[in-house]
């Protein structure tokens, strides 16, 4: 099964980005083109019953498989970036972090109002960034069709924060 392959490939980086954190590093997956293809095929299979028009990937690791999935499905990809990184007119959404706050943005012409959007990121932890992305998409008239993640850290309960937006959530690996 893909979860066993991914767990064997994802590496733990202890005390990154700060002491006490065990970072789940997906970059070893990227060295294996066959495994990357399996990841995309698995996402496509698991999302077969979820109707969406656009994949929105969250900076930066959400771009990796998000873009591949969108291309595989023949639909548009929309980047959600940190503030100040997109060149055209944007809409912004701020959110709180453990220490401080952050702002993400998306082009105002990223999709048509009423579009059904799948939000993709590499990892679901507490869900703060993904909730902000959900609000951003709703500001532009999008409908949250669901969420896809390579990894979900279930002990941080991020899934619960996303349920008000969509109950369609898949992750390939859970810890």
C-alpha atoms as a PDB file:
ATOM      1  CA  UNK A   1       0.000   0.000   0.000  1.00  0.00           C
ATOM      2  CA  UNK A   2       1.085   3.555  -0.673  1.00  0.00           C
ATOM      3  CA  UNK A   3       1.046   4.565   2.989  1.00  0.00           C
ATOM      4  CA  UNK A   4       3.748   1.992   3.768  1.00  0.00           C
ATOM      5  CA  UNK A   5       5.860   3.164   0.824  1.00  0.00           C
ATOM      6  CA  UNK A   6       5.494   6.778   1.904  1.00  0.00           C
ATOM      7  CA  UNK A   7       6.238   6.059   5.570  1.00  0.00           C
ATOM      8  CA  UNK A   8       9.387   4.237   4.488  1.00  0.00           C
ATOM      9  CA  UNK A   9      10.426   7.243   2.388  1.00  0.00           C
ATOM     10  CA  UNK A  10       9.425  10.277   4.469  1.00  0.00           C
ATOM     11  CA  UNK A  11      12.200  11.190   6.853  1.00  0.00           C
ATOM     12  CA  UNK A  12      11.959  12.687  10.303  1.00  0.00           C
ATOM     13  CA  UNK A  13      14.102  15.714  11.064  1.00  0.00           C
ATOM     14  CA  UNK A  14      14.305  16.144  14.828  1.00  0.00           C
ATOM     15  CA  UNK A  15      14.261  19.656  16.315  1.00  0.00           C
ATOM     16  CA  UNK A  16      13.409  21.383  13.028  1.00  0.00           C
ATOM     17  CA  UNK A  17      12.455  24.187  12.646  1.00  0.00           C
ATOM     18  CA  UNK A  18      12.755  24.512  16.426  1.00  0.00           C
ATOM     19  CA  UNK A  19      13.495  22.268  19.412  1.00  0.00           C
ATOM     20  CA  UNK A  20      10.765  19.752  20.209  1.00  0.00           C
ATOM     21  CA  UNK A  21       9.401  19.546  16.647  1.00  0.00           C
ATOM     22  CA  UNK A  22       9.796  16.407  14.525  1.00  0.00           C
ATOM     23  CA  UNK A  23       9.558  17.666  10.925  1.00  0.00           C
ATOM     24  CA  UNK A  24       8.125  15.254   8.347  1.00  0.00           C
ATOM     25  CA  UNK A  25      10.313  15.774   5.271  1.00  0.00           C
ATOM     26  CA  UNK A  26       8.709  14.796   1.946  1.00  0.00           C
ATOM     27  CA  UNK A  27      11.710  15.727  -0.217  1.00  0.00           C
ATOM     28  CA  UNK A  28      12.960  12.109  -0.392  1.00  0.00           C
ATOM     29  CA  UNK A  29       9.706  11.268  -2.222  1.00  0.00           C
ATOM     30  CA  UNK A  30      10.664  13.766  -4.920  1.00  0.00           C
ATOM     31  CA  UNK A  31      13.823  11.792  -5.748  1.00  0.00           C
ATOM     32  CA  UNK A  32      11.668   8.869  -6.893  1.00  0.00           C
ATOM     33  CA  UNK A  33       9.687   9.627 -10.062  1.00  0.00           C
ATOM     34  CA  UNK A  34       7.838   6.311  -9.845  1.00  0.00           C
ATOM     35  CA  UNK A  35       6.700   7.029  -6.279  1.00  0.00           C
ATOM     36  CA  UNK A  36       5.622  10.560  -7.302  1.00  0.00           C
ATOM     37  CA  UNK A  37       3.467   9.025 -10.039  1.00  0.00           C
ATOM     38  CA  UNK A  38       1.983   6.573  -7.531  1.00  0.00           C
ATOM     39  CA  UNK A  39       1.133   9.486  -5.228  1.00  0.00           C
ATOM     40  CA  UNK A  40      -0.699  11.321  -8.013  1.00  0.00           C
ATOM     41  CA  UNK A  41      -2.536   8.177  -9.108  1.00  0.00           C
ATOM     42  CA  UNK A  42      -3.589   7.527  -5.502  1.00  0.00           C
ATOM     43  CA  UNK A  43      -4.880  11.079  -5.098  1.00  0.00           C
ATOM     44  CA  UNK A  44      -6.815  10.797  -8.366  1.00  0.00           C
ATOM     45  CA  UNK A  45      -8.340   7.483  -7.287  1.00  0.00           C
ATOM     46  CA  UNK A  46      -9.331   8.664  -3.809  1.00  0.00           C
ATOM     47  CA  UNK A  47     -10.767  11.915  -5.179  1.00  0.00           C
ATOM     48  CA  UNK A  48     -12.770  10.250  -7.964  1.00  0.00           C
ATOM     49  CA  UNK A  49     -16.107  10.906  -6.209  1.00  0.00           C
ATOM     50  CA  UNK A  50     -15.257  14.523  -5.263  1.00  0.00           C
ATOM     51  CA  UNK A  51     -16.280  17.057  -7.906  1.00  0.00           C
ATOM     52  CA  UNK A  52     -13.860  19.979  -8.232  1.00  0.00           C
ATOM     53  CA  UNK A  53     -12.877  22.406 -10.982  1.00  0.00           C
ATOM     54  CA  UNK A  54      -9.590  23.767  -9.649  1.00  0.00           C
ATOM     55  CA  UNK A  55      -6.717  22.621  -7.428  1.00  0.00           C
ATOM     56  CA  UNK A  56      -5.351  25.322  -5.122  1.00  0.00           C
ATOM     57  CA  UNK A  57      -1.930  24.566  -3.661  1.00  0.00           C
ATOM     58  CA  UNK A  58      -0.566  26.251  -0.551  1.00  0.00           C
ATOM     59  CA  UNK A  59       2.980  27.632  -0.682  1.00  0.00           C
ATOM     60  CA  UNK A  60       5.342  26.054  -1.044  1.00  0.00           C
ATOM     61  CA  UNK A  61       5.247  22.295  -0.690  1.00  0.00           C
ATOM     62  CA  UNK A  62       1.561  22.281  -1.651  1.00  0.00           C
ATOM     63  CA  UNK A  63       2.679  23.331  -5.127  1.00  0.00           C
ATOM     64  CA  UNK A  64       4.591  20.095  -5.713  1.00  0.00           C
ATOM     65  CA  UNK A  65       1.842  17.478  -5.843  1.00  0.00           C
ATOM     66  CA  UNK A  66      -0.963  20.028  -6.266  1.00  0.00           C
ATOM     67  CA  UNK A  67       0.330  21.084  -9.676  1.00  0.00           C
ATOM     68  CA  UNK A  68       1.027  17.482 -10.693  1.00  0.00           C
ATOM     69  CA  UNK A  69      -2.509  16.475  -9.677  1.00  0.00           C
ATOM     70  CA  UNK A  70      -4.107  19.368 -11.548  1.00  0.00           C
ATOM     71  CA  UNK A  71      -2.103  18.527 -14.677  1.00  0.00           C
ATOM     72  CA  UNK A  72      -2.976  14.843 -14.342  1.00  0.00           C
ATOM     73  CA  UNK A  73      -6.679  15.734 -14.154  1.00  0.00           C
ATOM     74  CA  UNK A  74      -6.474  18.408 -16.879  1.00  0.00           C
ATOM     75  CA  UNK A  75      -7.770  21.213 -14.658  1.00  0.00           C
ATOM     76  CA  UNK A  76      -6.320  24.576 -13.547  1.00  0.00           C
ATOM     77  CA  UNK A  77      -3.875  24.991 -10.675  1.00  0.00           C
ATOM     78  CA  UNK A  78      -4.000  28.074  -8.445  1.00  0.00           C
ATOM     79  CA  UNK A  79      -1.091  29.027  -6.167  1.00  0.00           C
ATOM     80  CA  UNK A  80      -1.845  30.370  -2.698  1.00  0.00           C
ATOM     81  CA  UNK A  81       1.247  32.317  -1.682  1.00  0.00           C
ATOM     82  CA  UNK A  82       2.726  34.290   1.145  1.00  0.00           C
ATOM     83  CA  UNK A  83       1.940  37.996   1.041  1.00  0.00           C
ATOM     84  CA  UNK A  84       3.850  40.009  -1.549  1.00  0.00           C
ATOM     85  CA  UNK A  85       4.779  37.115  -3.863  1.00  0.00           C
ATOM     86  CA  UNK A  86       2.066  37.357  -6.540  1.00  0.00           C
ATOM     87  CA  UNK A  87       2.373  39.997  -9.289  1.00  0.00           C
ATOM     88  CA  UNK A  88      -1.267  40.791 -10.174  1.00  0.00           C
ATOM     89  CA  UNK A  89      -4.205  42.008  -8.068  1.00  0.00           C
ATOM     90  CA  UNK A  90      -4.696  39.814  -4.992  1.00  0.00           C
ATOM     91  CA  UNK A  91      -7.040  39.095  -2.113  1.00  0.00           C
ATOM     92  CA  UNK A  92      -5.435  38.507   1.299  1.00  0.00           C
ATOM     93  CA  UNK A  93      -6.239  36.546   4.429  1.00  0.00           C
ATOM     94  CA  UNK A  94      -4.333  36.877   7.689  1.00  0.00           C
ATOM     95  CA  UNK A  95      -4.205  34.219  10.388  1.00  0.00           C
ATOM     96  CA  UNK A  96      -2.546  33.619  13.730  1.00  0.00           C
ATOM     97  CA  UNK A  97       0.479  31.444  14.265  1.00  0.00           C
ATOM     98  CA  UNK A  98       1.807  30.113  17.554  1.00  0.00           C
ATOM     99  CA  UNK A  99       4.012  33.213  17.793  1.00  0.00           C
ATOM    100  CA  UNK A 100       2.712  36.058  15.631  1.00  0.00           C
ATOM    101  CA  UNK A 101       0.651  36.071  12.467  1.00  0.00           C
ATOM    102  CA  UNK A 102       0.974  35.528   8.739  1.00  0.00           C
ATOM    103  CA  UNK A 103      -0.861  36.534   5.580  1.00  0.00           C
ATOM    104  CA  UNK A 104      -1.519  34.524   2.449  1.00  0.00           C
ATOM    105  CA  UNK A 105      -2.905  35.754  -0.835  1.00  0.00           C
ATOM    106  CA  UNK A 106      -4.305  34.633  -4.153  1.00  0.00           C
ATOM    107  CA  UNK A 107      -4.917  36.389  -7.466  1.00  0.00           C
ATOM    108  CA  UNK A 108      -8.429  37.817  -7.653  1.00  0.00           C
ATOM    109  CA  UNK A 109      -8.877  36.226 -11.093  1.00  0.00           C
ATOM    110  CA  UNK A 110      -7.685  32.775  -9.980  1.00  0.00           C
ATOM    111  CA  UNK A 111     -11.056  31.158 -10.745  1.00  0.00           C
ATOM    112  CA  UNK A 112     -14.638  32.074 -11.573  1.00  0.00           C
ATOM    113  CA  UNK A 113     -17.129  32.595  -8.729  1.00  0.00           C
ATOM    114  CA  UNK A 114     -18.901  29.321  -7.979  1.00  0.00           C
ATOM    115  CA  UNK A 115     -15.862  27.210  -8.878  1.00  0.00           C
ATOM    116  CA  UNK A 116     -15.418  24.104  -6.751  1.00  0.00           C
ATOM    117  CA  UNK A 117     -11.903  24.172  -5.336  1.00  0.00           C
ATOM    118  CA  UNK A 118      -9.785  21.347  -3.918  1.00  0.00           C
ATOM    119  CA  UNK A 119      -7.208  22.716  -1.477  1.00  0.00           C
ATOM    120  CA  UNK A 120      -3.939  20.778  -1.450  1.00  0.00           C
ATOM    121  CA  UNK A 121      -0.947  20.922   0.852  1.00  0.00           C
ATOM    122  CA  UNK A 122       1.792  18.514   1.778  1.00  0.00           C
ATOM    123  CA  UNK A 123       0.861  18.279   5.453  1.00  0.00           C
ATOM    124  CA  UNK A 124      -2.112  18.940   7.716  1.00  0.00           C
ATOM    125  CA  UNK A 125      -1.075  19.867  11.249  1.00  0.00           C
ATOM    126  CA  UNK A 126      -3.234  22.272  13.290  1.00  0.00           C
ATOM    127  CA  UNK A 127      -5.075  23.475  10.174  1.00  0.00           C
ATOM    128  CA  UNK A 128      -4.469  27.208  10.661  1.00  0.00           C
ATOM    129  CA  UNK A 129      -3.024  27.881   7.222  1.00  0.00           C
ATOM    130  CA  UNK A 130      -5.627  25.688   5.527  1.00  0.00           C
ATOM    131  CA  UNK A 131      -8.500  27.455   7.299  1.00  0.00           C
ATOM    132  CA  UNK A 132      -7.040  30.778   6.091  1.00  0.00           C
ATOM    133  CA  UNK A 133      -6.831  29.356   2.546  1.00  0.00           C
ATOM    134  CA  UNK A 134     -10.465  28.228   2.819  1.00  0.00           C
ATOM    135  CA  UNK A 135     -11.581  31.716   3.848  1.00  0.00           C
ATOM    136  CA  UNK A 136      -9.540  33.218   1.019  1.00  0.00           C
ATOM    137  CA  UNK A 137     -11.234  30.997  -1.542  1.00  0.00           C
ATOM    138  CA  UNK A 138     -14.663  31.806  -0.135  1.00  0.00           C
ATOM    139  CA  UNK A 139     -13.882  35.546  -0.346  1.00  0.00           C
ATOM    140  CA  UNK A 140     -13.542  35.091  -4.099  1.00  0.00           C
ATOM    141  CA  UNK A 141     -16.815  33.151  -4.373  1.00  0.00           C
ATOM    142  CA  UNK A 142     -15.269  29.695  -4.493  1.00  0.00           C
ATOM    143  CA  UNK A 143     -16.772  26.584  -2.945  1.00  0.00           C
ATOM    144  CA  UNK A 144     -14.494  24.321  -0.911  1.00  0.00           C
ATOM    145  CA  UNK A 145     -14.938  20.912  -2.556  1.00  0.00           C
ATOM    146  CA  UNK A 146     -12.423  19.184  -0.302  1.00  0.00           C
ATOM    147  CA  UNK A 147      -8.862  18.847   0.896  1.00  0.00           C
ATOM    148  CA  UNK A 148      -5.952  16.604   0.021  1.00  0.00           C
ATOM    149  CA  UNK A 149      -2.718  16.112   1.942  1.00  0.00           C
ATOM    150  CA  UNK A 150       0.225  13.790   1.624  1.00  0.00           C
ATOM    151  CA  UNK A 151       0.514  13.677   5.446  1.00  0.00           C
ATOM    152  CA  UNK A 152      -1.917  14.291   8.290  1.00  0.00           C
ATOM    153  CA  UNK A 153      -0.708  14.693  11.861  1.00  0.00           C
ATOM    154  CA  UNK A 154      -3.961  13.477  13.407  1.00  0.00           C
ATOM    155  CA  UNK A 155      -2.890  14.135  17.001  1.00  0.00           C
ATOM    156  CA  UNK A 156      -2.984  17.900  16.272  1.00  0.00           C
ATOM    157  CA  UNK A 157      -6.709  17.770  15.343  1.00  0.00           C
ATOM    158  CA  UNK A 158      -6.463  19.915  12.209  1.00  0.00           C
ATOM    159  CA  UNK A 159      -9.216  17.870  10.547  1.00  0.00           C
ATOM    160  CA  UNK A 160     -11.757  19.184  13.075  1.00  0.00           C
ATOM    161  CA  UNK A 161     -10.992  22.785  12.084  1.00  0.00           C
ATOM    162  CA  UNK A 162     -11.696  22.009   8.415  1.00  0.00           C
ATOM    163  CA  UNK A 163     -15.067  20.287   8.849  1.00  0.00           C
ATOM    164  CA  UNK A 164     -17.063  23.561   8.764  1.00  0.00           C
ATOM    165  CA  UNK A 165     -15.732  24.092   5.219  1.00  0.00           C
ATOM    166  CA  UNK A 166     -15.870  20.537   3.821  1.00  0.00           C
ATOM    167  CA  UNK A 167     -15.977  16.993   5.149  1.00  0.00           C
ATOM    168  CA  UNK A 168     -14.137  15.715   2.055  1.00  0.00           C
ATOM    169  CA  UNK A 169     -10.599  15.271   3.341  1.00  0.00           C
ATOM    170  CA  UNK A 170      -8.012  12.727   2.326  1.00  0.00           C
ATOM    171  CA  UNK A 171      -4.456  12.155   3.403  1.00  0.00           C
ATOM    172  CA  UNK A 172      -2.205   9.409   2.138  1.00  0.00           C
ATOM    173  CA  UNK A 173      -0.306   8.962   5.418  1.00  0.00           C
ATOM    174  CA  UNK A 174      -1.474   9.612   8.972  1.00  0.00           C
ATOM    175  CA  UNK A 175       0.604   9.901  12.103  1.00  0.00           C
END
